[in-house]
Amino acid sequence: MTPSSTERPSPVVGVGVVLLRADGALLIGHRVKHGEPESWCLPGGHVEAGETFETAAVRETAEESGITAVTDPEVFALAFHTNGLRTEVTAGVLARVTADDVVATTPEPEVFDSWVWAQPEDLPAPLFPASAALLAALRNVGAPDGWTLYEATAQPPALSRSFGEHHH
């Protein structure tokens, strides 16, 4: 390693989970982590050694919201944070709850103090930056400043019908 490469922070690989109910609402939490501005955030976090994006998505959803009734996780996009001091890659994982009466809890109250189910076109603000990038990818709108989005090849065909194209 060169001296300059040892001074750079290690890359961060994470997941953000778009957890859907049958009515199209997604789970979003009020993030209150010390040292960060309050924001609204998808469930997610760092991918641990040996995990796939999908496995990490299911684990992080359970750890942060208490919800274990998760099915059909599938990567829909990768979001790269391109203007920070370190490389950050966040995989967007679309998943569904197995029952619509699932209730989120706050097992990590120092990170999330509440969870709500919101329609994608009516989300609370401000959004956590990685969540904003993944939701932009899901709605097929441009990446927020400082982010580059890559669509996954296995995107479900119903996705565009579920987000952003219907108006009530």
Protein backbone atom coordinates (compact mmCIF):
# COMPACT_ATOMS: atom_id res chain seq x y z
CA MET A 1 0.00 0.00 0.00
CA THR A 2 1.15 3.50 -0.66
CA PRO A 3 1.08 5.97 2.24
CA SER A 4 -1.69 7.99 0.58
CA SER A 5 -3.99 4.95 0.31
CA THR A 6 -3.67 4.23 4.05
CA GLU A 7 -4.92 7.73 4.82
CA ARG A 8 -8.20 7.24 2.98
CA PRO A 9 -11.17 5.88 4.91
CA SER A 10 -12.29 2.37 3.98
CA PRO A 11 -15.22 2.08 1.58
CA VAL A 12 -18.66 1.57 3.07
CA VAL A 13 -21.10 -0.93 1.57
CA GLY A 14 -24.69 -0.77 2.73
CA VAL A 15 -28.30 -1.49 1.94
CA GLY A 16 -31.49 0.53 2.01
CA VAL A 17 -34.76 -1.39 2.09
CA VAL A 18 -37.96 -0.32 0.38
CA LEU A 19 -40.34 -2.49 2.42
CA LEU A 20 -43.80 -2.46 0.85
CA ARG A 21 -47.28 -3.31 2.07
CA ALA A 22 -49.95 -4.47 -0.38
CA ASP A 23 -51.41 -0.93 -0.53
CA GLY A 24 -48.09 0.39 -1.86
CA ALA A 25 -47.08 2.14 1.37
CA LEU A 26 -43.43 1.85 2.36
CA LEU A 27 -41.80 1.81 5.78
CA ILE A 28 -39.78 4.88 6.71
CA GLY A 29 -38.26 5.77 10.06
CA HIS A 30 -37.51 8.99 11.89
CA ARG A 31 -33.71 8.85 12.28
CA VAL A 32 -32.38 10.55 15.42
CA LYS A 33 -28.79 9.24 15.52
CA HIS A 34 -26.52 11.43 17.66
CA GLY A 35 -24.22 13.68 15.65
CA GLU A 36 -26.42 13.63 12.52
CA PRO A 37 -29.26 15.92 11.51
CA GLU A 38 -32.68 14.35 12.08
CA SER A 39 -34.10 12.83 8.90
CA TRP A 40 -36.43 10.17 7.54
CA CYS A 41 -34.72 6.99 6.48
CA LEU A 42 -35.43 3.60 4.94
CA PRO A 43 -34.43 0.61 7.06
CA GLY A 44 -30.88 -0.38 6.25
CA GLY A 45 -27.25 -0.33 7.23
CA HIS A 46 -23.88 -1.89 6.58
CA VAL A 47 -23.50 -5.21 4.81
CA GLU A 48 -21.59 -7.61 7.05
CA ALA A 49 -18.95 -10.09 5.87
CA GLY A 50 -20.53 -13.11 4.19
CA GLU A 51 -23.90 -11.43 3.58
CA THR A 52 -25.64 -10.75 0.30
CA PHE A 53 -27.47 -7.45 -0.15
CA GLU A 54 -30.74 -9.34 0.29
CA THR A 55 -29.63 -11.06 3.51
CA ALA A 56 -28.38 -7.77 4.93
CA ALA A 57 -31.69 -6.11 4.01
CA VAL A 58 -33.76 -8.68 5.92
CA ARG A 59 -31.39 -8.54 8.93
CA GLU A 60 -31.26 -4.73 9.08
CA THR A 61 -35.05 -4.44 8.76
CA ALA A 62 -35.46 -6.75 11.76
CA GLU A 63 -32.77 -5.01 13.81
CA GLU A 64 -34.08 -1.50 13.20
CA SER A 65 -37.86 -1.97 12.99
CA GLY A 66 -38.51 -5.33 14.65
CA ILE A 67 -40.21 -6.55 11.46
CA THR A 68 -39.22 -10.11 10.52
CA ALA A 69 -42.18 -10.86 8.22
CA VAL A 70 -40.21 -9.92 5.07
CA THR A 71 -40.32 -11.74 1.74
CA ASP A 72 -39.01 -11.51 -1.83
CA PRO A 73 -36.01 -9.20 -1.31
CA GLU A 74 -34.58 -8.11 -4.65
CA VAL A 75 -31.91 -5.54 -5.54
CA PHE A 76 -33.32 -2.78 -7.76
CA ALA A 77 -30.46 -0.26 -7.84
CA LEU A 78 -27.02 0.71 -6.59
CA ALA A 79 -26.40 4.23 -5.35
CA PHE A 80 -22.84 5.59 -5.21
CA HIS A 81 -22.09 8.65 -3.10
CA THR A 82 -19.59 10.39 -5.31
CA ASN A 83 -18.67 13.59 -3.51
CA GLY A 84 -17.62 12.37 -0.06
CA LEU A 85 -14.26 11.56 1.46
CA ARG A 86 -14.91 7.84 1.18
CA THR A 87 -16.54 5.53 -1.33
CA GLU A 88 -20.08 4.70 -0.24
CA VAL A 89 -22.15 2.13 -2.12
CA THR A 90 -25.73 1.48 -1.07
CA ALA A 91 -27.82 -1.25 -2.67
CA GLY A 92 -31.53 -0.59 -2.86
CA VAL A 93 -33.50 -3.72 -1.99
CA LEU A 94 -37.21 -3.99 -2.67
CA ALA A 95 -39.07 -6.37 -0.34
CA ARG A 96 -42.61 -6.99 0.85
CA VAL A 97 -44.17 -7.70 4.22
CA THR A 98 -45.95 -11.04 4.48
CA ALA A 99 -48.91 -9.49 6.34
CA ASP A 100 -50.28 -5.96 6.09
CA ASP A 101 -50.95 -5.70 9.83
CA VAL A 102 -47.24 -5.84 10.69
CA VAL A 103 -46.31 -3.19 13.25
CA ALA A 104 -42.85 -1.64 13.44
CA THR A 105 -41.21 -1.19 16.84
CA THR A 106 -38.13 0.79 17.90
CA PRO A 107 -35.51 -1.74 19.07
CA GLU A 108 -32.78 0.87 18.44
CA PRO A 109 -34.37 4.05 19.92
CA GLU A 110 -31.00 5.84 19.76
CA VAL A 111 -31.17 5.53 15.95
CA PHE A 112 -34.92 5.53 15.16
CA ASP A 113 -37.60 6.92 17.48
CA SER A 114 -40.57 6.08 15.25
CA TRP A 115 -41.62 4.31 12.04
CA VAL A 116 -44.49 5.16 9.71
CA TRP A 117 -46.02 3.63 6.59
CA ALA A 118 -46.16 6.29 3.87
CA GLN A 119 -47.17 6.36 0.24
CA PRO A 120 -44.14 6.94 -2.03
CA GLU A 121 -45.57 10.19 -3.36
CA ASP A 122 -46.24 11.54 0.16
CA LEU A 123 -43.04 10.93 2.13
CA PRO A 124 -41.98 12.95 5.17
CA ALA A 125 -38.92 15.21 4.86
CA PRO A 126 -36.04 15.68 5.03
CA LEU A 127 -34.90 12.32 3.69
CA PHE A 128 -31.62 10.68 4.76
CA PRO A 129 -29.27 11.16 1.76
CA ALA A 130 -28.87 7.48 0.80
CA SER A 131 -32.64 6.96 1.17
CA ALA A 132 -33.30 9.98 -1.06
CA ALA A 133 -30.96 8.53 -3.71
CA LEU A 134 -32.59 5.08 -3.63
CA LEU A 135 -36.10 6.51 -3.75
CA ALA A 136 -35.06 8.64 -6.73
CA ALA A 137 -33.86 5.45 -8.45
CA LEU A 138 -37.12 3.72 -7.64
CA ARG A 139 -39.19 6.58 -9.06
CA ASN A 140 -36.84 6.79 -12.06
CA VAL A 141 -36.07 10.47 -11.47
CA GLY A 142 -32.60 11.98 -11.54
CA ALA A 143 -30.03 11.25 -8.89
CA PRO A 144 -29.66 13.82 -6.11
CA ASP A 145 -26.50 15.97 -6.26
CA GLY A 146 -23.46 13.97 -5.25
CA TRP A 147 -24.97 10.58 -6.13
CA THR A 148 -24.71 8.27 -9.12
CA LEU A 149 -27.43 5.66 -9.62
CA TYR A 150 -27.16 2.30 -11.37
CA GLU A 151 -30.29 0.36 -12.18
CA ALA A 152 -30.20 -3.35 -11.39
CA THR A 153 -30.87 -5.64 -14.33
CA ALA A 154 -33.39 -7.74 -12.41
CA GLN A 155 -35.82 -4.88 -11.83
CA PRO A 156 -39.39 -6.21 -11.48
CA PRO A 157 -41.58 -5.02 -14.36
CA ALA A 158 -44.35 -3.88 -11.99
CA LEU A 159 -42.05 -1.40 -10.28
CA SER A 160 -42.80 1.56 -12.51
CA ARG A 161 -46.53 0.98 -12.04
CA SER A 162 -46.07 0.94 -8.25
CA PHE A 163 -44.16 4.20 -7.95
CA GLY A 164 -44.59 7.64 -9.33
CA GLU A 165 -46.74 6.90 -12.35
CA HIS A 166 -50.14 6.84 -10.67
CA HIS A 167 -51.61 9.97 -9.16
CA HIS A 168 -54.56 10.19 -6.84
